[in-house]
């Protein structure tokens, strides 16, 4: 099995792998996505200054230790499609959660990113001040 550590992706800092720091960066960004908006894995990767790391973002979200605080269900692929390996129970659960936030799906099951894609600079963000460490 090919691991992140074997790939050399993570740089050693102080002799330790910086996996948790990267995952925490992902969680900090994702918790800011407001209800009724979605982000893409690649968008999150760019925000954390790792533009070629969309898969790493997916791995971080799959192991989200803050369910209910970090809204992983609001992250979709670059085409507006839902994740096949959604951690909360699959595509149908993810879709239902997004529909409950008033996100509408096209007939082909895709989210219109022109309408629902989160813009961190302009979209009102109610989740910005949630301290995820206080919920552990």
Protein backbone atom coordinates (compact mmCIF):
# COMPACT_ATOMS: atom_id res chain seq x y z
CA UNK A 1 0.00 0.00 0.00
CA UNK A 2 1.25 3.45 -0.94
CA UNK A 3 1.19 5.89 1.96
CA UNK A 4 1.57 9.63 2.17
CA UNK A 5 4.74 9.22 4.19
CA UNK A 6 6.26 6.92 1.57
CA UNK A 7 5.40 9.38 -1.18
CA UNK A 8 7.56 12.02 0.44
CA UNK A 9 4.64 14.44 0.34
CA UNK A 10 5.01 15.61 3.90
CA UNK A 11 8.11 17.53 4.81
CA UNK A 12 9.78 16.71 8.07
CA UNK A 13 9.65 19.51 10.57
CA UNK A 14 11.60 18.97 13.74
CA UNK A 15 12.01 15.29 12.88
CA UNK A 16 8.27 14.54 12.73
CA UNK A 17 5.88 14.21 9.84
CA UNK A 18 3.59 17.24 9.54
CA UNK A 19 0.43 15.30 8.68
CA UNK A 20 -1.72 16.59 11.50
CA UNK A 21 -0.78 20.19 10.82
CA UNK A 22 -1.88 19.85 7.20
CA UNK A 23 -5.13 18.10 8.12
CA UNK A 24 -5.88 20.80 10.72
CA UNK A 25 -5.36 23.46 8.03
CA UNK A 26 -7.94 21.66 5.88
CA UNK A 27 -10.41 21.52 8.78
CA UNK A 28 -9.93 25.22 9.54
CA UNK A 29 -10.81 26.16 5.96
CA UNK A 30 -13.71 23.72 5.56
CA UNK A 31 -15.41 24.83 8.76
CA UNK A 32 -15.71 28.30 7.18
CA UNK A 33 -17.84 27.11 4.24
CA UNK A 34 -21.27 28.58 4.98
CA UNK A 35 -24.52 26.68 4.78
CA UNK A 36 -25.90 26.76 1.24
CA UNK A 37 -22.45 26.82 -0.38
CA UNK A 38 -19.97 24.15 -1.47
CA UNK A 39 -16.24 24.11 -2.14
CA UNK A 40 -14.13 21.76 -4.22
CA UNK A 41 -11.23 19.65 -3.04
CA UNK A 42 -8.93 21.60 -5.35
CA UNK A 43 -10.23 24.93 -4.06
CA UNK A 44 -9.43 23.90 -0.48
CA UNK A 45 -5.96 22.73 -1.59
CA UNK A 46 -5.27 26.12 -3.19
CA UNK A 47 -6.43 27.99 -0.09
CA UNK A 48 -3.98 26.05 2.09
CA UNK A 49 -1.25 26.74 -0.48
CA UNK A 50 -1.00 23.12 -1.68
CA UNK A 51 -2.57 23.52 -5.14
CA UNK A 52 -1.82 19.97 -6.31
CA UNK A 53 -3.15 18.30 -3.19
CA UNK A 54 -6.87 17.78 -3.80
CA UNK A 55 -6.52 14.09 -2.90
CA UNK A 56 -4.82 14.98 0.37
CA UNK A 57 -7.78 17.24 1.17
CA UNK A 58 -10.05 14.26 0.52
CA UNK A 59 -8.04 12.04 2.85
CA UNK A 60 -8.17 14.69 5.57
CA UNK A 61 -11.94 15.01 5.24
CA UNK A 62 -12.41 11.26 5.22
CA UNK A 63 -10.77 11.11 8.65
CA UNK A 64 -12.50 14.23 10.02
CA UNK A 65 -12.34 14.02 13.84
CA UNK A 66 -14.86 16.89 14.17
CA UNK A 67 -18.14 15.67 12.66
CA UNK A 68 -20.83 18.29 13.01
CA UNK A 69 -18.22 21.04 13.34
CA UNK A 70 -16.26 20.60 10.11
CA UNK A 71 -18.93 20.30 7.37
CA UNK A 72 -17.22 17.79 5.08
CA UNK A 73 -20.48 17.27 3.21
CA UNK A 74 -20.00 20.74 1.66
CA UNK A 75 -16.93 19.64 -0.29
CA UNK A 76 -17.46 18.20 -3.78
CA UNK A 77 -15.28 17.42 -6.77
CA UNK A 78 -14.32 19.95 -9.44
CA UNK A 79 -17.37 19.04 -11.54
CA UNK A 80 -19.86 19.53 -8.72
CA UNK A 81 -20.25 15.79 -8.18
CA UNK A 82 -20.60 14.17 -4.78
CA UNK A 83 -17.93 12.00 -3.24
CA UNK A 84 -18.32 8.26 -3.70
CA UNK A 85 -16.59 7.59 -0.39
CA UNK A 86 -18.44 10.18 1.66
CA UNK A 87 -17.61 9.52 5.29
CA UNK A 88 -21.14 10.04 6.63
CA UNK A 89 -22.71 7.19 4.70
CA UNK A 90 -22.35 7.73 0.97
CA UNK A 91 -23.64 9.99 -1.76
CA UNK A 92 -27.29 9.82 -0.76
CA UNK A 93 -26.61 11.06 2.77
CA UNK A 94 -24.35 13.82 1.47
CA UNK A 95 -27.00 14.86 -1.07
CA UNK A 96 -29.73 14.93 1.58
CA UNK A 97 -27.55 17.09 3.86
CA UNK A 98 -26.89 19.56 1.04
CA UNK A 99 -30.54 19.64 0.00
CA UNK A 100 -31.43 20.43 3.62
CA UNK A 101 -29.19 23.49 3.19
CA UNK A 102 -31.21 24.54 0.13
CA UNK A 103 -28.67 23.41 -2.47
CA UNK A 104 -30.44 22.24 -5.60
CA UNK A 105 -29.09 19.54 -7.88
CA UNK A 106 -29.31 19.46 -11.66
CA UNK A 107 -31.19 16.58 -13.31
CA UNK A 108 -27.90 14.72 -13.78
CA UNK A 109 -27.19 14.91 -10.02
CA UNK A 110 -24.52 17.61 -10.30
CA UNK A 111 -24.36 20.85 -8.31
CA UNK A 112 -24.20 24.04 -10.36
CA UNK A 113 -20.89 25.46 -9.15
CA UNK A 114 -21.56 28.82 -10.80
CA UNK A 115 -24.42 29.22 -8.36
CA UNK A 116 -23.27 27.39 -5.22
CA UNK A 117 -19.46 27.58 -5.17
CA UNK A 118 -18.19 29.29 -2.03
CA UNK A 119 -16.25 32.50 -2.48
CA UNK A 120 -14.28 33.01 0.75
CA UNK A 121 -13.84 36.72 0.03
CA UNK A 122 -17.49 37.62 -0.49
CA UNK A 123 -19.74 35.01 1.11
CA UNK A 124 -21.03 35.71 4.60
CA UNK A 125 -19.42 33.26 6.95
CA UNK A 126 -21.18 32.39 10.17
CA UNK A 127 -18.83 29.51 10.99
CA UNK A 128 -15.67 31.62 10.94
CA UNK A 129 -15.26 31.84 14.70
CA UNK A 130 -15.89 28.21 15.66
CA UNK A 131 -12.90 26.89 17.60
CA UNK A 132 -12.72 23.21 16.69
CA UNK A 133 -10.19 22.44 19.41
CA UNK A 134 -12.72 23.42 22.06
CA UNK A 135 -15.03 20.64 20.78
CA UNK A 136 -12.59 17.76 21.15
